[in-house]
Amino acid sequence: MKELVFEVTQEEDGGFCAECLTENIFTQGDTWDNVRKNVQEAVRGFFPDQPQTPRCVRLHLVRDEVLAGA
């Protein structure tokens, strides 16, 4: 497995949720650094005894921004 991609969204309370697009892996964190650490732990936990773990984990931050009409 070459790479896992996580879609990361920022919650209204400021925390982050991360969901893998190809595997059933989900985690969250209060800060960006915390969610990065939690993603790494979740990936290790999902592939505990498998020799083929992903070489790369990509975090894709999805940001919604609403602009007021002009």
PDB file of N, CA and C in Angstrom:
ATOM      1  N   MET A   1       0.853  -1.178   0.000  1.00  0.00           N
ATOM      2  CA  MET A   1       0.000   0.000   0.000  1.00  0.00           C
ATOM      3  C   MET A   1       0.894   1.233   0.000  1.00  0.00           C
ATOM      4  N   LYS A   2       0.662   2.089  -0.947  1.00  0.00           N
ATOM      5  CA  LYS A   2       1.512   3.260  -1.083  1.00  0.00           C
ATOM      6  C   LYS A   2       1.092   4.413  -0.174  1.00  0.00           C
ATOM      7  N   GLU A   3      -0.208   4.698  -0.154  1.00  0.00           N
ATOM      8  CA  GLU A   3      -0.635   5.929   0.509  1.00  0.00           C
ATOM      9  C   GLU A   3      -2.065   5.819   1.009  1.00  0.00           C
ATOM     10  N   LEU A   4      -2.332   6.444   2.146  1.00  0.00           N
ATOM     11  CA  LEU A   4      -3.694   6.645   2.643  1.00  0.00           C
ATOM     12  C   LEU A   4      -3.973   8.135   2.607  1.00  0.00           C
ATOM     13  N   VAL A   5      -5.192   8.486   2.226  1.00  0.00           N
ATOM     14  CA  VAL A   5      -5.593   9.890   2.189  1.00  0.00           C
ATOM     15  C   VAL A   5      -6.719  10.088   3.202  1.00  0.00           C
ATOM     16  N   PHE A   6      -6.543  11.092   4.055  1.00  0.00           N
ATOM     17  CA  PHE A   6      -7.556  11.458   5.035  1.00  0.00           C
ATOM     18  C   PHE A   6      -8.139  12.815   4.666  1.00  0.00           C
ATOM     19  N   GLU A   7      -9.456  12.901   4.707  1.00  0.00           N
ATOM     20  CA  GLU A   7     -10.135  14.179   4.552  1.00  0.00           C
ATOM     21  C   GLU A   7     -10.307  14.761   5.956  1.00  0.00           C
ATOM     22  N   VAL A   8      -9.756  15.929   6.169  1.00  0.00           N
ATOM     23  CA  VAL A   8      -9.802  16.561   7.488  1.00  0.00           C
ATOM     24  C   VAL A   8     -10.697  17.797   7.401  1.00  0.00           C
ATOM     25  N   THR A   9     -11.658  17.866   8.305  1.00  0.00           N
ATOM     26  CA  THR A   9     -12.541  19.025   8.369  1.00  0.00           C
ATOM     27  C   THR A   9     -12.432  19.662   9.742  1.00  0.00           C
ATOM     28  N   GLN A  10     -12.573  20.977   9.768  1.00  0.00           N
ATOM     29  CA  GLN A  10     -12.543  21.688  11.044  1.00  0.00           C
ATOM     30  C   GLN A  10     -13.975  21.852  11.541  1.00  0.00           C
ATOM     31  N   GLU A  11     -14.185  21.481  12.772  1.00  0.00           N
ATOM     32  CA  GLU A  11     -15.509  21.569  13.381  1.00  0.00           C
ATOM     33  C   GLU A  11     -15.780  22.988  13.876  1.00  0.00           C
ATOM     34  N   GLU A  12     -17.023  23.285  14.139  1.00  0.00           N
ATOM     35  CA  GLU A  12     -17.403  24.614  14.617  1.00  0.00           C
ATOM     36  C   GLU A  12     -16.727  24.974  15.931  1.00  0.00           C
ATOM     37  N   ASP A  13     -16.459  23.963  16.766  1.00  0.00           N
ATOM     38  CA  ASP A  13     -15.828  24.216  18.067  1.00  0.00           C
ATOM     39  C   ASP A  13     -14.319  24.408  17.956  1.00  0.00           C
ATOM     40  N   GLY A  14     -13.779  24.281  16.721  1.00  0.00           N
ATOM     41  CA  GLY A  14     -12.352  24.480  16.520  1.00  0.00           C
ATOM     42  C   GLY A  14     -11.560  23.201  16.386  1.00  0.00           C
ATOM     43  N   GLY A  15     -12.135  22.071  16.772  1.00  0.00           N
ATOM     44  CA  GLY A  15     -11.438  20.794  16.649  1.00  0.00           C
ATOM     45  C   GLY A  15     -11.437  20.300  15.208  1.00  0.00           C
ATOM     46  N   PHE A  16     -10.778  19.178  14.982  1.00  0.00           N
ATOM     47  CA  PHE A  16     -10.657  18.609  13.640  1.00  0.00           C
ATOM     48  C   PHE A  16     -11.125  17.162  13.644  1.00  0.00           C
ATOM     49  N   CYS A  17     -11.759  16.743  12.552  1.00  0.00           N
ATOM     50  CA  CYS A  17     -12.149  15.360  12.320  1.00  0.00           C
ATOM     51  C   CYS A  17     -11.428  14.877  11.075  1.00  0.00           C
ATOM     52  N   ALA A  18     -10.878  13.663  11.128  1.00  0.00           N
ATOM     53  CA  ALA A  18     -10.147  13.098  10.005  1.00  0.00           C
ATOM     54  C   ALA A  18     -10.731  11.732   9.657  1.00  0.00           C
ATOM     55  N   GLU A  19     -11.074  11.557   8.375  1.00  0.00           N
ATOM     56  CA  GLU A  19     -11.659  10.311   7.909  1.00  0.00           C
ATOM     57  C   GLU A  19     -10.901   9.820   6.684  1.00  0.00           C
ATOM     58  N   CYS A  20     -10.457   8.569   6.736  1.00  0.00           N
ATOM     59  CA  CYS A  20      -9.741   7.975   5.622  1.00  0.00           C
ATOM     60  C   CYS A  20     -10.719   7.729   4.479  1.00  0.00           C
ATOM     61  N   LEU A  21     -10.287   8.009   3.251  1.00  0.00           N
ATOM     62  CA  LEU A  21     -11.152   7.858   2.090  1.00  0.00           C
ATOM     63  C   LEU A  21     -11.219   6.426   1.574  1.00  0.00           C
ATOM     64  N   THR A  22     -10.264   5.557   1.952  1.00  0.00           N
ATOM     65  CA  THR A  22     -10.242   4.200   1.412  1.00  0.00           C
ATOM     66  C   THR A  22     -10.373   3.098   2.456  1.00  0.00           C
ATOM     67  N   GLU A  23     -10.143   3.403   3.695  1.00  0.00           N
ATOM     68  CA  GLU A  23     -10.262   2.419   4.776  1.00  0.00           C
ATOM     69  C   GLU A  23     -11.216   2.965   5.828  1.00  0.00           C
ATOM     70  N   ASN A  24     -11.675   2.097   6.709  1.00  0.00           N
ATOM     71  CA  ASN A  24     -12.610   2.496   7.759  1.00  0.00           C
ATOM     72  C   ASN A  24     -11.837   3.017   8.976  1.00  0.00           C
ATOM     73  N   ILE A  25     -11.194   4.178   8.797  1.00  0.00           N
ATOM     74  CA  ILE A  25     -10.391   4.784   9.865  1.00  0.00           C
ATOM     75  C   ILE A  25     -10.900   6.202  10.071  1.00  0.00           C
ATOM     76  N   PHE A  26     -11.198   6.529  11.323  1.00  0.00           N
ATOM     77  CA  PHE A  26     -11.698   7.856  11.676  1.00  0.00           C
ATOM     78  C   PHE A  26     -11.081   8.259  13.002  1.00  0.00           C
ATOM     79  N   THR A  27     -10.697   9.521  13.113  1.00  0.00           N
ATOM     80  CA  THR A  27     -10.190  10.034  14.379  1.00  0.00           C
ATOM     81  C   THR A  27     -10.437  11.535  14.440  1.00  0.00           C
ATOM     82  N   GLN A  28     -10.125  12.123  15.568  1.00  0.00           N
ATOM     83  CA  GLN A  28     -10.314  13.563  15.737  1.00  0.00           C
ATOM     84  C   GLN A  28      -9.282  14.102  16.705  1.00  0.00           C
ATOM     85  N   GLY A  29      -9.204  15.420  16.782  1.00  0.00           N
ATOM     86  CA  GLY A  29      -8.281  16.064  17.702  1.00  0.00           C
ATOM     87  C   GLY A  29      -8.660  17.511  17.912  1.00  0.00           C
ATOM     88  N   ASP A  30      -8.239  18.049  19.040  1.00  0.00           N
ATOM     89  CA  ASP A  30      -8.570  19.433  19.378  1.00  0.00           C
ATOM     90  C   ASP A  30      -7.750  20.443  18.588  1.00  0.00           C
ATOM     91  N   THR A  31      -6.522  20.063  18.220  1.00  0.00           N
ATOM     92  CA  THR A  31      -5.634  20.959  17.474  1.00  0.00           C
ATOM     93  C   THR A  31      -5.116  20.218  16.243  1.00  0.00           C
ATOM     94  N   TRP A  32      -4.490  20.962  15.322  1.00  0.00           N
ATOM     95  CA  TRP A  32      -3.934  20.343  14.125  1.00  0.00           C
ATOM     96  C   TRP A  32      -2.841  19.330  14.503  1.00  0.00           C
ATOM     97  N   ASP A  33      -1.964  19.702  15.423  1.00  0.00           N
ATOM     98  CA  ASP A  33      -0.917  18.776  15.855  1.00  0.00           C
ATOM     99  C   ASP A  33      -1.504  17.526  16.498  1.00  0.00           C
ATOM    100  N   ASN A  34      -2.565  17.714  17.264  1.00  0.00           N
ATOM    101  CA  ASN A  34      -3.216  16.588  17.929  1.00  0.00           C
ATOM    102  C   ASN A  34      -3.865  15.646  16.919  1.00  0.00           C
ATOM    103  N   VAL A  35      -4.527  16.179  15.919  1.00  0.00           N
ATOM    104  CA  VAL A  35      -5.175  15.313  14.919  1.00  0.00           C
ATOM    105  C   VAL A  35      -4.118  14.587  14.082  1.00  0.00           C
ATOM    106  N   ARG A  36      -2.990  15.226  13.809  1.00  0.00           N
ATOM    107  CA  ARG A  36      -1.900  14.556  13.083  1.00  0.00           C
ATOM    108  C   ARG A  36      -1.395  13.349  13.870  1.00  0.00           C
ATOM    109  N   LYS A  37      -1.175  13.545  15.160  1.00  0.00           N
ATOM    110  CA  LYS A  37      -0.714  12.453  16.026  1.00  0.00           C
ATOM    111  C   LYS A  37      -1.760  11.341  16.095  1.00  0.00           C
ATOM    112  N   ASN A  38      -3.022  11.725  16.224  1.00  0.00           N
ATOM    113  CA  ASN A  38      -4.090  10.735  16.327  1.00  0.00           C
ATOM    114  C   ASN A  38      -4.260   9.942  15.033  1.00  0.00           C
ATOM    115  N   VAL A  39      -4.053  10.582  13.882  1.00  0.00           N
ATOM    116  CA  VAL A  39      -4.120   9.865  12.603  1.00  0.00           C
ATOM    117  C   VAL A  39      -3.019   8.813  12.559  1.00  0.00           C
ATOM    118  N   GLN A  40      -1.815   9.175  12.947  1.00  0.00           N
ATOM    119  CA  GLN A  40      -0.707   8.214  12.939  1.00  0.00           C
ATOM    120  C   GLN A  40      -1.003   7.027  13.853  1.00  0.00           C
ATOM    121  N   GLU A  41      -1.529   7.290  15.040  1.00  0.00           N
ATOM    122  CA  GLU A  41      -1.876   6.217  15.976  1.00  0.00           C
ATOM    123  C   GLU A  41      -3.001   5.350  15.420  1.00  0.00           C
ATOM    124  N   ALA A  42      -3.995   5.974  14.795  1.00  0.00           N
ATOM    125  CA  ALA A  42      -5.124   5.224  14.240  1.00  0.00           C
ATOM    126  C   ALA A  42      -4.671   4.314  13.098  1.00  0.00           C
ATOM    127  N   VAL A  43      -3.762   4.791  12.270  1.00  0.00           N
ATOM    128  CA  VAL A  43      -3.246   3.978  11.168  1.00  0.00           C
ATOM    129  C   VAL A  43      -2.448   2.799  11.718  1.00  0.00           C
ATOM    130  N   ARG A  44      -1.601   3.046  12.693  1.00  0.00           N
ATOM    131  CA  ARG A  44      -0.836   1.943  13.312  1.00  0.00           C
ATOM    132  C   ARG A  44      -1.782   0.919  13.943  1.00  0.00           C
ATOM    133  N   GLY A  45      -2.855   1.399  14.575  1.00  0.00           N
ATOM    134  CA  GLY A  45      -3.823   0.498  15.197  1.00  0.00           C
ATOM    135  C   GLY A  45      -4.642  -0.283  14.181  1.00  0.00           C
ATOM    136  N   PHE A  46      -4.864   0.285  13.016  1.00  0.00           N
ATOM    137  CA  PHE A  46      -5.652  -0.377  11.979  1.00  0.00           C
ATOM    138  C   PHE A  46      -4.850  -1.482  11.297  1.00  0.00           C
ATOM    139  N   PHE A  47      -3.532  -1.327  11.231  1.00  0.00           N
ATOM    140  CA  PHE A  47      -2.646  -2.306  10.607  1.00  0.00           C
ATOM    141  C   PHE A  47      -1.657  -2.848  11.647  1.00  0.00           C
ATOM    142  N   PRO A  48      -2.141  -3.488  12.728  1.00  0.00           N
ATOM    143  CA  PRO A  48      -1.251  -3.850  13.829  1.00  0.00           C
ATOM    144  C   PRO A  48      -0.170  -4.873  13.491  1.00  0.00           C
ATOM    145  N   ASP A  49      -0.514  -5.942  12.801  1.00  0.00           N
ATOM    146  CA  ASP A  49       0.443  -7.018  12.557  1.00  0.00           C
ATOM    147  C   ASP A  49       0.682  -7.261  11.073  1.00  0.00           C
ATOM    148  N   GLN A  50       0.310  -6.308  10.250  1.00  0.00           N
ATOM    149  CA  GLN A  50       0.463  -6.490   8.817  1.00  0.00           C
ATOM    150  C   GLN A  50       1.796  -5.912   8.350  1.00  0.00           C
ATOM    151  N   PRO A  51       2.518  -6.673   7.542  1.00  0.00           N
ATOM    152  CA  PRO A  51       3.817  -6.172   7.072  1.00  0.00           C
ATOM    153  C   PRO A  51       3.681  -5.002   6.095  1.00  0.00           C
ATOM    154  N   GLN A  52       2.539  -4.909   5.412  1.00  0.00           N
ATOM    155  CA  GLN A  52       2.349  -3.851   4.423  1.00  0.00           C
ATOM    156  C   GLN A  52       1.534  -2.719   5.022  1.00  0.00           C
ATOM    157  N   THR A  53       2.196  -1.763   5.588  1.00  0.00           N
ATOM    158  CA  THR A  53       1.518  -0.566   6.070  1.00  0.00           C
ATOM    159  C   THR A  53       1.762   0.546   5.057  1.00  0.00           C
ATOM    160  N   PRO A  54       0.929   1.568   5.043  1.00  0.00           N
ATOM    161  CA  PRO A  54       1.116   2.645   4.072  1.00  0.00           C
ATOM    162  C   PRO A  54       2.453   3.355   4.259  1.00  0.00           C
ATOM    163  N   ARG A  55       3.088   3.667   3.146  1.00  0.00           N
ATOM    164  CA  ARG A  55       4.349   4.401   3.215  1.00  0.00           C
ATOM    165  C   ARG A  55       4.111   5.874   3.477  1.00  0.00           C
ATOM    166  N   CYS A  56       2.921   6.338   3.129  1.00  0.00           N
ATOM    167  CA  CYS A  56       2.625   7.765   3.231  1.00  0.00           C
ATOM    168  C   CYS A  56       1.178   7.951   3.672  1.00  0.00           C
ATOM    169  N   VAL A  57       0.949   8.923   4.534  1.00  0.00           N
ATOM    170  CA  VAL A  57      -0.402   9.306   4.939  1.00  0.00           C
ATOM    171  C   VAL A  57      -0.564  10.777   4.584  1.00  0.00           C
ATOM    172  N   ARG A  58      -1.565  11.057   3.767  1.00  0.00           N
ATOM    173  CA  ARG A  58      -1.803  12.425   3.309  1.00  0.00           C
ATOM    174  C   ARG A  58      -3.040  12.982   4.023  1.00  0.00           C
ATOM    175  N   LEU A  59      -2.895  14.173   4.589  1.00  0.00           N
ATOM    176  CA  LEU A  59      -4.016  14.861   5.218  1.00  0.00           C
ATOM    177  C   LEU A  59      -4.485  15.967   4.276  1.00  0.00           C
ATOM    178  N   HIS A  60      -5.737  15.868   3.868  1.00  0.00           N
ATOM    179  CA  HIS A  60      -6.319  16.851   2.954  1.00  0.00           C
ATOM    180  C   HIS A  60      -7.305  17.698   3.750  1.00  0.00           C
ATOM    181  N   LEU A  61      -6.928  18.930   4.041  1.00  0.00           N
ATOM    182  CA  LEU A  61      -7.772  19.823   4.829  1.00  0.00           C
ATOM    183  C   LEU A  61      -8.850  20.416   3.931  1.00  0.00           C
ATOM    184  N   VAL A  62     -10.110  20.162   4.282  1.00  0.00           N
ATOM    185  CA  VAL A  62     -11.239  20.702   3.551  1.00  0.00           C
ATOM    186  C   VAL A  62     -11.745  21.912   4.322  1.00  0.00           C
ATOM    187  N   ARG A  63     -11.812  23.019   3.634  1.00  0.00           N
ATOM    188  CA  ARG A  63     -12.197  24.253   4.315  1.00  0.00           C
ATOM    189  C   ARG A  63     -13.376  24.884   3.597  1.00  0.00           C
ATOM    190  N   ASP A  64     -14.464  25.045   4.296  1.00  0.00           N
ATOM    191  CA  ASP A  64     -15.635  25.740   3.768  1.00  0.00           C
ATOM    192  C   ASP A  64     -15.601  27.169   4.270  1.00  0.00           C
ATOM    193  N   GLU A  65     -15.808  28.086   3.376  1.00  0.00           N
ATOM    194  CA  GLU A  65     -15.857  29.493   3.759  1.00  0.00           C
ATOM    195  C   GLU A  65     -17.059  30.125   3.084  1.00  0.00           C
ATOM    196  N   VAL A  66     -17.892  30.757   3.870  1.00  0.00           N
ATOM    197  CA  VAL A  66     -19.091  31.396   3.343  1.00  0.00           C
ATOM    198  C   VAL A  66     -18.843  32.897   3.300  1.00  0.00           C
ATOM    199  N   LEU A  67     -19.019  33.463   2.131  1.00  0.00           N
ATOM    200  CA  LEU A  67     -18.830  34.904   1.958  1.00  0.00           C
ATOM    201  C   LEU A  67     -20.207  35.569   1.851  1.00  0.00           C
ATOM    202  N   ALA A  68     -20.349  36.701   2.497  1.00  0.00           N
ATOM    203  CA  ALA A  68     -21.602  37.449   2.405  1.00  0.00           C
ATOM    204  C   ALA A  68     -21.745  38.005   0.997  1.00  0.00           C
ATOM    205  N   GLY A  69     -22.966  38.081   0.512  1.00  0.00           N
ATOM    206  CA  GLY A  69     -23.225  38.620  -0.823  1.00  0.00           C
ATOM    207  C   GLY A  69     -22.828  40.085  -0.899  1.00  0.00           C
ATOM    208  N   ALA A  70     -22.427  40.507  -2.075  1.00  0.00           N
ATOM    209  CA  ALA A  70     -21.961  41.884  -2.274  1.00  0.00           C
ATOM    210  C   ALA A  70     -23.125  42.828  -2.474  1.00  0.00           C
TER     211      ALA A  70
END
